[in-house]
């Protein structure tokens, strides 16, 4: 019986951590993946449909909420939605002014988009871990992970987007020659140490998107695993541990969105600075 429980627990954990994958299977053509092995065989062209679907849904929700708040905006006493949106906008505006020292009207909207979008995706974690997997299983869908930020493909994808902007603005503001000099003559301003400088600066540059993506993924994935482990406990223990952990995780959800946004703005500020 113990062995059976162990197998059931192992399957439960693996099932809840498996994405709904669609990709180019080498033998059967395009098909849904029913195992981790199939997903690996699909390789680079495999798509996590649940990650894509829920991240797009949260992006559309963000646009809809802020558009609705904008249309309902009044100069009088603001309603609850307008007040909440104004608080978020003001928070991001103050954050941008404090951390971004260049002149670029795109940075504040970008920071607002990153913060709210990541916050909405992270907040999906508060929904009980069994709710959507069971619901979609009744509809014939075997796997369903609803938190996009527990998928490294999503977090690294956003981080690579920020990294692309860092490179773009570094070249646009400083020029190709200026950016090359920054990489080759920092931190030691001597031609003989250019190879050493290049190694240090390129590593530091590449660490930025890796740090952004993996930090967000690691924290959210760890929280997901803990929620799954709590769900395996007896009924009384679930009520004792799940609610306090969910309340604590609200802070983690917000903090991770804040950290990703803040570091993105800091990196983009450095890209606008002349050295």
C-alpha atoms as a PDB file:
ATOM      1  CA  UNK A   1       0.000   0.000   0.000  1.00  0.00           C
ATOM      2  CA  UNK A   2       2.869   2.335   0.803  1.00  0.00           C
ATOM      3  CA  UNK A   3       4.438   1.607  -2.576  1.00  0.00           C
ATOM      4  CA  UNK A   4       1.122   2.331  -4.272  1.00  0.00           C
ATOM      5  CA  UNK A   5       0.805   5.639  -2.440  1.00  0.00           C
ATOM      6  CA  UNK A   6       4.355   6.544  -3.428  1.00  0.00           C
ATOM      7  CA  UNK A   7       3.616   5.826  -7.093  1.00  0.00           C
ATOM      8  CA  UNK A   8       0.385   7.812  -6.914  1.00  0.00           C
ATOM      9  CA  UNK A   9       2.126  10.759  -5.258  1.00  0.00           C
ATOM     10  CA  UNK A  10       4.934  10.669  -7.827  1.00  0.00           C
ATOM     11  CA  UNK A  11       2.445  10.590 -10.699  1.00  0.00           C
ATOM     12  CA  UNK A  12       0.421  13.409  -9.116  1.00  0.00           C
ATOM     13  CA  UNK A  13       3.474  15.655  -8.827  1.00  0.00           C
ATOM     14  CA  UNK A  14       4.724  14.854 -12.329  1.00  0.00           C
ATOM     15  CA  UNK A  15       1.264  15.376 -13.803  1.00  0.00           C
ATOM     16  CA  UNK A  16       0.802  18.800 -12.212  1.00  0.00           C
ATOM     17  CA  UNK A  17       4.264  19.926 -13.357  1.00  0.00           C
ATOM     18  CA  UNK A  18       3.762  18.782 -16.967  1.00  0.00           C
ATOM     19  CA  UNK A  19       2.830  21.324 -19.625  1.00  0.00           C
ATOM     20  CA  UNK A  20       0.301  20.789 -22.381  1.00  0.00           C
ATOM     21  CA  UNK A  21       2.773  20.477 -25.244  1.00  0.00           C
ATOM     22  CA  UNK A  22       2.233  20.672 -28.982  1.00  0.00           C
ATOM     23  CA  UNK A  23       5.089  20.150 -31.379  1.00  0.00           C
ATOM     24  CA  UNK A  24       6.734  18.354 -34.232  1.00  0.00           C
ATOM     25  CA  UNK A  25       7.086  14.743 -33.163  1.00  0.00           C
ATOM     26  CA  UNK A  26       9.779  13.014 -35.273  1.00  0.00           C
ATOM     27  CA  UNK A  27       7.639   9.910 -35.894  1.00  0.00           C
ATOM     28  CA  UNK A  28       3.988  10.888 -35.770  1.00  0.00           C
ATOM     29  CA  UNK A  29       4.064  14.442 -37.123  1.00  0.00           C
ATOM     30  CA  UNK A  30       2.220  17.171 -35.255  1.00  0.00           C
ATOM     31  CA  UNK A  31       0.541  15.844 -32.134  1.00  0.00           C
ATOM     32  CA  UNK A  32      -0.150  16.551 -28.471  1.00  0.00           C
ATOM     33  CA  UNK A  33       2.562  15.271 -26.154  1.00  0.00           C
ATOM     34  CA  UNK A  34       1.383  12.765 -23.546  1.00  0.00           C
ATOM     35  CA  UNK A  35       4.685  12.379 -21.735  1.00  0.00           C
ATOM     36  CA  UNK A  36       7.828  14.255 -20.863  1.00  0.00           C
ATOM     37  CA  UNK A  37       9.777  11.944 -23.170  1.00  0.00           C
ATOM     38  CA  UNK A  38       7.626  12.923 -26.144  1.00  0.00           C
ATOM     39  CA  UNK A  39       8.054  16.595 -25.298  1.00  0.00           C
ATOM     40  CA  UNK A  40      11.825  16.195 -25.250  1.00  0.00           C
ATOM     41  CA  UNK A  41      11.765  14.395 -28.597  1.00  0.00           C
ATOM     42  CA  UNK A  42       9.848  17.301 -30.112  1.00  0.00           C
ATOM     43  CA  UNK A  43      12.799  19.523 -29.335  1.00  0.00           C
ATOM     44  CA  UNK A  44      12.949  23.256 -29.963  1.00  0.00           C
ATOM     45  CA  UNK A  45       9.726  23.487 -31.953  1.00  0.00           C
ATOM     46  CA  UNK A  46       7.540  22.151 -29.148  1.00  0.00           C
ATOM     47  CA  UNK A  47       5.080  24.771 -27.858  1.00  0.00           C
ATOM     48  CA  UNK A  48       3.602  24.822 -24.379  1.00  0.00           C
ATOM     49  CA  UNK A  49       0.014  25.648 -25.219  1.00  0.00           C
ATOM     50  CA  UNK A  50      -1.015  26.322 -21.628  1.00  0.00           C
ATOM     51  CA  UNK A  51       1.867  28.768 -21.097  1.00  0.00           C
ATOM     52  CA  UNK A  52       1.079  30.587 -24.346  1.00  0.00           C
ATOM     53  CA  UNK A  53      -2.668  30.616 -23.736  1.00  0.00           C
ATOM     54  CA  UNK A  54      -2.639  31.843 -20.157  1.00  0.00           C
ATOM     55  CA  UNK A  55       0.080  34.450 -20.731  1.00  0.00           C
ATOM     56  CA  UNK A  56      -1.853  35.876 -23.697  1.00  0.00           C
ATOM     57  CA  UNK A  57      -5.055  35.797 -21.642  1.00  0.00           C
ATOM     58  CA  UNK A  58      -3.408  37.755 -18.815  1.00  0.00           C
ATOM     59  CA  UNK A  59      -2.036  40.247 -21.324  1.00  0.00           C
ATOM     60  CA  UNK A  60      -5.503  40.784 -22.778  1.00  0.00           C
ATOM     61  CA  UNK A  61      -6.939  41.105 -19.265  1.00  0.00           C
ATOM     62  CA  UNK A  62      -4.351  43.792 -18.505  1.00  0.00           C
ATOM     63  CA  UNK A  63      -5.286  45.730 -21.649  1.00  0.00           C
ATOM     64  CA  UNK A  64      -9.018  45.375 -20.989  1.00  0.00           C
ATOM     65  CA  UNK A  65      -8.833  46.497 -17.352  1.00  0.00           C
ATOM     66  CA  UNK A  66      -6.658  49.536 -18.044  1.00  0.00           C
ATOM     67  CA  UNK A  67      -8.704  50.511 -21.107  1.00  0.00           C
ATOM     68  CA  UNK A  68     -11.891  50.260 -19.066  1.00  0.00           C
ATOM     69  CA  UNK A  69     -10.358  52.354 -16.295  1.00  0.00           C
ATOM     70  CA  UNK A  70      -9.257  54.958 -18.835  1.00  0.00           C
ATOM     71  CA  UNK A  71     -12.723  55.209 -20.368  1.00  0.00           C
ATOM     72  CA  UNK A  72     -14.323  55.487 -16.925  1.00  0.00           C
ATOM     73  CA  UNK A  73     -11.805  58.053 -15.627  1.00  0.00           C
ATOM     74  CA  UNK A  74     -13.301  61.101 -13.985  1.00  0.00           C
ATOM     75  CA  UNK A  75     -11.895  64.260 -12.433  1.00  0.00           C
ATOM     76  CA  UNK A  76     -14.218  63.838  -9.470  1.00  0.00           C
ATOM     77  CA  UNK A  77     -14.052  61.168  -6.795  1.00  0.00           C
ATOM     78  CA  UNK A  78     -12.514  58.121  -8.502  1.00  0.00           C
ATOM     79  CA  UNK A  79     -14.165  54.720  -8.376  1.00  0.00           C
ATOM     80  CA  UNK A  80     -12.450  51.618  -7.039  1.00  0.00           C
ATOM     81  CA  UNK A  81     -11.054  50.505 -10.414  1.00  0.00           C
ATOM     82  CA  UNK A  82      -9.789  53.959 -11.359  1.00  0.00           C
ATOM     83  CA  UNK A  83      -8.216  54.378  -7.937  1.00  0.00           C
ATOM     84  CA  UNK A  84      -6.422  51.026  -8.178  1.00  0.00           C
ATOM     85  CA  UNK A  85      -5.127  51.722 -11.684  1.00  0.00           C
ATOM     86  CA  UNK A  86      -3.962  55.215 -10.713  1.00  0.00           C
ATOM     87  CA  UNK A  87      -2.088  53.775  -7.723  1.00  0.00           C
ATOM     88  CA  UNK A  88      -0.270  51.285  -9.963  1.00  0.00           C
ATOM     89  CA  UNK A  89       0.537  53.940 -12.574  1.00  0.00           C
ATOM     90  CA  UNK A  90       1.821  56.335  -9.922  1.00  0.00           C
ATOM     91  CA  UNK A  91       3.906  53.578  -8.340  1.00  0.00           C
ATOM     92  CA  UNK A  92       5.549  52.721 -11.675  1.00  0.00           C
ATOM     93  CA  UNK A  93       6.033  56.413 -12.481  1.00  0.00           C
ATOM     94  CA  UNK A  94       7.901  56.972  -9.207  1.00  0.00           C
ATOM     95  CA  UNK A  95       9.926  53.794  -9.746  1.00  0.00           C
ATOM     96  CA  UNK A  96      10.950  54.890 -13.233  1.00  0.00           C
ATOM     97  CA  UNK A  97      11.911  58.384 -12.118  1.00  0.00           C
ATOM     98  CA  UNK A  98      14.048  56.975  -9.309  1.00  0.00           C
ATOM     99  CA  UNK A  99      15.893  54.333 -11.342  1.00  0.00           C
ATOM    100  CA  UNK A 100      15.959  55.563 -14.956  1.00  0.00           C
ATOM    101  CA  UNK A 101      18.248  58.518 -15.630  1.00  0.00           C
ATOM    102  CA  UNK A 102      17.940  58.846 -19.382  1.00  0.00           C
ATOM    103  CA  UNK A 103      15.262  60.347 -21.604  1.00  0.00           C
ATOM    104  CA  UNK A 104      13.010  57.773 -23.232  1.00  0.00           C
ATOM    105  CA  UNK A 105       9.186  57.935 -23.195  1.00  0.00           C
ATOM    106  CA  UNK A 106       8.986  54.165 -23.781  1.00  0.00           C
ATOM    107  CA  UNK A 107      10.535  53.084 -20.479  1.00  0.00           C
ATOM    108  CA  UNK A 108       7.627  53.922 -18.150  1.00  0.00           C
ATOM    109  CA  UNK A 109       4.973  52.165 -20.333  1.00  0.00           C
ATOM    110  CA  UNK A 110       7.321  49.198 -20.665  1.00  0.00           C
ATOM    111  CA  UNK A 111       7.799  49.046 -16.895  1.00  0.00           C
ATOM    112  CA  UNK A 112       4.031  49.294 -16.341  1.00  0.00           C
ATOM    113  CA  UNK A 113       3.408  46.473 -18.828  1.00  0.00           C
ATOM    114  CA  UNK A 114       6.037  44.214 -17.281  1.00  0.00           C
ATOM    115  CA  UNK A 115       4.874  44.783 -13.724  1.00  0.00           C
ATOM    116  CA  UNK A 116       1.141  44.305 -14.278  1.00  0.00           C
ATOM    117  CA  UNK A 117       1.508  41.440 -16.763  1.00  0.00           C
ATOM    118  CA  UNK A 118       3.890  39.481 -14.519  1.00  0.00           C
ATOM    119  CA  UNK A 119       1.757  40.247 -11.471  1.00  0.00           C
ATOM    120  CA  UNK A 120      -1.362  38.877 -13.182  1.00  0.00           C
ATOM    121  CA  UNK A 121       0.447  35.735 -14.341  1.00  0.00           C
ATOM    122  CA  UNK A 122       1.931  35.183 -10.886  1.00  0.00           C
ATOM    123  CA  UNK A 123      -1.451  35.691  -9.198  1.00  0.00           C
ATOM    124  CA  UNK A 124      -2.854  32.647 -11.011  1.00  0.00           C
ATOM    125  CA  UNK A 125      -0.830  30.603  -8.526  1.00  0.00           C
ATOM    126  CA  UNK A 126      -3.313  31.499  -5.774  1.00  0.00           C
ATOM    127  CA  UNK A 127      -5.961  29.334  -7.508  1.00  0.00           C
ATOM    128  CA  UNK A 128      -5.992  25.809  -5.959  1.00  0.00           C
ATOM    129  CA  UNK A 129      -3.597  23.496  -7.818  1.00  0.00           C
ATOM    130  CA  UNK A 130      -6.278  20.884  -8.612  1.00  0.00           C
ATOM    131  CA  UNK A 131      -8.998  23.204  -9.885  1.00  0.00           C
ATOM    132  CA  UNK A 132      -8.020  23.719 -13.524  1.00  0.00           C
ATOM    133  CA  UNK A 133      -6.270  20.342 -14.105  1.00  0.00           C
ATOM    134  CA  UNK A 134      -9.445  18.545 -12.986  1.00  0.00           C
ATOM    135  CA  UNK A 135     -11.677  20.885 -14.998  1.00  0.00           C
ATOM    136  CA  UNK A 136      -9.674  20.447 -18.209  1.00  0.00           C
ATOM    137  CA  UNK A 137      -9.360  16.682 -17.625  1.00  0.00           C
ATOM    138  CA  UNK A 138     -13.169  16.499 -17.825  1.00  0.00           C
ATOM    139  CA  UNK A 139     -12.895  18.267 -21.188  1.00  0.00           C
ATOM    140  CA  UNK A 140     -10.379  15.713 -22.458  1.00  0.00           C
ATOM    141  CA  UNK A 141      -7.208  17.771 -21.890  1.00  0.00           C
ATOM    142  CA  UNK A 142      -4.625  15.728 -20.016  1.00  0.00           C
ATOM    143  CA  UNK A 143      -2.323  18.496 -18.767  1.00  0.00           C
ATOM    144  CA  UNK A 144      -2.886  22.105 -17.761  1.00  0.00           C
ATOM    145  CA  UNK A 145      -0.385  24.356 -15.957  1.00  0.00           C
ATOM    146  CA  UNK A 146      -2.020  27.737 -15.577  1.00  0.00           C
ATOM    147  CA  UNK A 147       0.890  29.779 -14.167  1.00  0.00           C
ATOM    148  CA  UNK A 148       3.080  30.874 -17.112  1.00  0.00           C
ATOM    149  CA  UNK A 149       5.895  32.111 -14.869  1.00  0.00           C
ATOM    150  CA  UNK A 150       6.517  28.544 -13.626  1.00  0.00           C
ATOM    151  CA  UNK A 151       7.678  27.793 -17.185  1.00  0.00           C
ATOM    152  CA  UNK A 152      11.270  28.896 -17.931  1.00  0.00           C
ATOM    153  CA  UNK A 153      10.297  29.392 -21.576  1.00  0.00           C
ATOM    154  CA  UNK A 154       8.002  32.263 -20.555  1.00  0.00           C
ATOM    155  CA  UNK A 155      10.335  33.938 -18.057  1.00  0.00           C
ATOM    156  CA  UNK A 156      13.406  33.632 -20.280  1.00  0.00           C
ATOM    157  CA  UNK A 157      11.339  34.839 -23.232  1.00  0.00           C
ATOM    158  CA  UNK A 158      10.484  38.056 -21.385  1.00  0.00           C
ATOM    159  CA  UNK A 159      14.083  38.389 -20.202  1.00  0.00           C
ATOM    160  CA  UNK A 160      15.374  38.009 -23.767  1.00  0.00           C
ATOM    161  CA  UNK A 161      12.943  40.730 -24.851  1.00  0.00           C
ATOM    162  CA  UNK A 162      14.436  43.078 -22.254  1.00  0.00           C
ATOM    163  CA  UNK A 163      17.939  41.980 -23.309  1.00  0.00           C
ATOM    164  CA  UNK A 164      17.155  42.856 -26.924  1.00  0.00           C
ATOM    165  CA  UNK A 165      16.117  46.349 -25.815  1.00  0.00           C
ATOM    166  CA  UNK A 166      19.338  46.698 -23.787  1.00  0.00           C
ATOM    167  CA  UNK A 167      21.437  45.933 -26.871  1.00  0.00           C
ATOM    168  CA  UNK A 168      19.269  48.139 -29.101  1.00  0.00           C
ATOM    169  CA  UNK A 169      19.442  51.218 -26.872  1.00  0.00           C
ATOM    170  CA  UNK A 170      23.125  50.668 -26.063  1.00  0.00           C
ATOM    171  CA  UNK A 171      23.911  50.905 -29.785  1.00  0.00           C
ATOM    172  CA  UNK A 172      21.354  53.650 -30.489  1.00  0.00           C
ATOM    173  CA  UNK A 173      22.487  55.944 -27.661  1.00  0.00           C
ATOM    174  CA  UNK A 174      26.232  55.263 -27.691  1.00  0.00           C
ATOM    175  CA  UNK A 175      26.743  54.172 -31.275  1.00  0.00           C
ATOM    176  CA  UNK A 176      28.397  50.925 -32.325  1.00  0.00           C
ATOM    177  CA  UNK A 177      31.841  52.359 -31.609  1.00  0.00           C
ATOM    178  CA  UNK A 178      30.820  53.696 -28.206  1.00  0.00           C
ATOM    179  CA  UNK A 179      29.225  50.409 -27.209  1.00  0.00           C
ATOM    180  CA  UNK A 180      32.306  48.498 -28.411  1.00  0.00           C
ATOM    181  CA  UNK A 181      34.594  50.817 -26.417  1.00  0.00           C
ATOM    182  CA  UNK A 182      32.435  50.326 -23.328  1.00  0.00           C
ATOM    183  CA  UNK A 183      32.803  46.552 -23.624  1.00  0.00           C
ATOM    184  CA  UNK A 184      36.521  46.581 -24.397  1.00  0.00           C
ATOM    185  CA  UNK A 185      37.822  49.385 -22.116  1.00  0.00           C
ATOM    186  CA  UNK A 186      35.767  48.710 -18.974  1.00  0.00           C
ATOM    187  CA  UNK A 187      36.696  48.290 -16.141  1.00  0.00           C
ATOM    188  CA  UNK A 188      40.405  48.685 -17.090  1.00  0.00           C
ATOM    189  CA  UNK A 189      41.095  51.502 -19.524  1.00  0.00           C
ATOM    190  CA  UNK A 190      44.190  50.020 -21.188  1.00  0.00           C
ATOM    191  CA  UNK A 191      44.532  48.430 -24.612  1.00  0.00           C
ATOM    192  CA  UNK A 192      46.571  45.497 -23.262  1.00  0.00           C
ATOM    193  CA  UNK A 193      43.665  44.422 -21.051  1.00  0.00           C
ATOM    194  CA  UNK A 194      41.019  44.525 -23.792  1.00  0.00           C
ATOM    195  CA  UNK A 195      40.669  40.687 -23.992  1.00  0.00           C
ATOM    196  CA  UNK A 196      40.221  40.487 -20.213  1.00  0.00           C
ATOM    197  CA  UNK A 197      37.702  43.352 -20.275  1.00  0.00           C
ATOM    198  CA  UNK A 198      35.724  41.709 -23.093  1.00  0.00           C
ATOM    199  CA  UNK A 199      35.421  38.459 -21.170  1.00  0.00           C
ATOM    200  CA  UNK A 200      34.202  40.257 -18.038  1.00  0.00           C
ATOM    201  CA  UNK A 201      31.776  42.574 -19.833  1.00  0.00           C
ATOM    202  CA  UNK A 202      30.283  39.952 -22.147  1.00  0.00           C
ATOM    203  CA  UNK A 203      29.729  37.570 -19.237  1.00  0.00           C
ATOM    204  CA  UNK A 204      28.128  40.402 -17.256  1.00  0.00           C
ATOM    205  CA  UNK A 205      25.933  41.283 -20.231  1.00  0.00           C
ATOM    206  CA  UNK A 206      24.754  37.704 -20.732  1.00  0.00           C
ATOM    207  CA  UNK A 207      24.084  37.210 -17.031  1.00  0.00           C
ATOM    208  CA  UNK A 208      21.430  39.951 -17.109  1.00  0.00           C
ATOM    209  CA  UNK A 209      18.740  38.045 -19.073  1.00  0.00           C
ATOM    210  CA  UNK A 210      19.649  34.758 -17.386  1.00  0.00           C
ATOM    211  CA  UNK A 211      19.338  36.333 -13.948  1.00  0.00           C
ATOM    212  CA  UNK A 212      16.030  38.007 -14.802  1.00  0.00           C
ATOM    213  CA  UNK A 213      14.432  34.888 -16.239  1.00  0.00           C
ATOM    214  CA  UNK A 214      15.779  32.269 -13.859  1.00  0.00           C
ATOM    215  CA  UNK A 215      15.105  34.324 -10.719  1.00  0.00           C
ATOM    216  CA  UNK A 216      11.428  34.724 -11.604  1.00  0.00           C
ATOM    217  CA  UNK A 217      11.086  31.104 -12.730  1.00  0.00           C
ATOM    218  CA  UNK A 218      12.893  29.674  -9.703  1.00  0.00           C
ATOM    219  CA  UNK A 219      10.794  31.495  -7.126  1.00  0.00           C
ATOM    220  CA  UNK A 220       7.474  30.786  -8.824  1.00  0.00           C
ATOM    221  CA  UNK A 221       8.305  27.143  -9.591  1.00  0.00           C
ATOM    222  CA  UNK A 222       9.380  26.515  -5.997  1.00  0.00           C
ATOM    223  CA  UNK A 223       6.096  27.956  -4.764  1.00  0.00           C
ATOM    224  CA  UNK A 224       4.185  25.745  -7.189  1.00  0.00           C
ATOM    225  CA  UNK A 225       5.961  22.621  -5.921  1.00  0.00           C
ATOM    226  CA  UNK A 226       5.155  23.527  -2.308  1.00  0.00           C
ATOM    227  CA  UNK A 227       1.468  24.016  -3.157  1.00  0.00           C
ATOM    228  CA  UNK A 228       1.450  20.579  -4.836  1.00  0.00           C
ATOM    229  CA  UNK A 229       3.141  18.945  -1.837  1.00  0.00           C
ATOM    230  CA  UNK A 230       0.635  20.549   0.529  1.00  0.00           C
ATOM    231  CA  UNK A 231      -2.202  19.153  -1.621  1.00  0.00           C
ATOM    232  CA  UNK A 232      -0.852  15.635  -0.952  1.00  0.00           C
ATOM    233  CA  UNK A 233      -1.216  16.017   2.817  1.00  0.00           C
ATOM    234  CA  UNK A 234      -4.259  14.905   4.846  1.00  0.00           C
ATOM    235  CA  UNK A 235      -7.350  17.130   4.653  1.00  0.00           C
ATOM    236  CA  UNK A 236      -6.808  18.792   8.043  1.00  0.00           C
ATOM    237  CA  UNK A 237      -3.166  19.589   7.194  1.00  0.00           C
ATOM    238  CA  UNK A 238      -4.187  21.178   3.888  1.00  0.00           C
ATOM    239  CA  UNK A 239      -6.432  23.667   5.669  1.00  0.00           C
ATOM    240  CA  UNK A 240      -3.742  24.290   8.269  1.00  0.00           C
ATOM    241  CA  UNK A 241      -0.928  24.983   5.777  1.00  0.00           C
ATOM    242  CA  UNK A 242      -2.475  25.980   2.445  1.00  0.00           C
ATOM    243  CA  UNK A 243      -4.132  29.238   3.524  1.00  0.00           C
ATOM    244  CA  UNK A 244      -1.083  30.657   5.404  1.00  0.00           C
ATOM    245  CA  UNK A 245       1.202  29.681   2.515  1.00  0.00           C
ATOM    246  CA  UNK A 246      -1.195  31.286   0.004  1.00  0.00           C
ATOM    247  CA  UNK A 247      -1.278  34.505   2.042  1.00  0.00           C
ATOM    248  CA  UNK A 248       2.523  34.523   2.269  1.00  0.00           C
ATOM    249  CA  UNK A 249       2.801  33.792  -1.437  1.00  0.00           C
ATOM    250  CA  UNK A 250       0.804  36.920  -2.260  1.00  0.00           C
ATOM    251  CA  UNK A 251       3.870  38.825  -1.068  1.00  0.00           C
ATOM    252  CA  UNK A 252       6.149  36.631  -3.207  1.00  0.00           C
ATOM    253  CA  UNK A 253       3.924  37.137  -6.257  1.00  0.00           C
ATOM    254  CA  UNK A 254       4.109  40.919  -5.926  1.00  0.00           C
ATOM    255  CA  UNK A 255       7.778  41.006  -4.970  1.00  0.00           C
ATOM    256  CA  UNK A 256       8.884  38.961  -7.992  1.00  0.00           C
ATOM    257  CA  UNK A 257       6.972  41.226 -10.381  1.00  0.00           C
ATOM    258  CA  UNK A 258       8.580  44.242  -8.695  1.00  0.00           C
ATOM    259  CA  UNK A 259      12.120  42.784  -8.866  1.00  0.00           C
ATOM    260  CA  UNK A 260      11.845  41.835 -12.550  1.00  0.00           C
ATOM    261  CA  UNK A 261      10.505  45.299 -13.429  1.00  0.00           C
ATOM    262  CA  UNK A 262      13.028  47.209 -11.325  1.00  0.00           C
ATOM    263  CA  UNK A 263      16.042  45.331 -12.683  1.00  0.00           C
ATOM    264  CA  UNK A 264      14.777  45.775 -16.245  1.00  0.00           C
ATOM    265  CA  UNK A 265      14.557  49.553 -15.745  1.00  0.00           C
ATOM    266  CA  UNK A 266      18.006  49.645 -14.094  1.00  0.00           C
ATOM    267  CA  UNK A 267      19.575  47.709 -16.981  1.00  0.00           C
ATOM    268  CA  UNK A 268      17.901  49.961 -19.549  1.00  0.00           C
ATOM    269  CA  UNK A 269      19.083  53.022 -17.636  1.00  0.00           C
ATOM    270  CA  UNK A 270      22.670  51.751 -17.871  1.00  0.00           C
ATOM    271  CA  UNK A 271      22.158  51.228 -21.609  1.00  0.00           C
ATOM    272  CA  UNK A 272      21.320  54.942 -21.950  1.00  0.00           C
ATOM    273  CA  UNK A 273      24.327  56.187 -19.992  1.00  0.00           C
ATOM    274  CA  UNK A 274      27.523  57.411 -21.637  1.00  0.00           C
ATOM    275  CA  UNK A 275      30.712  56.202 -19.984  1.00  0.00           C
END
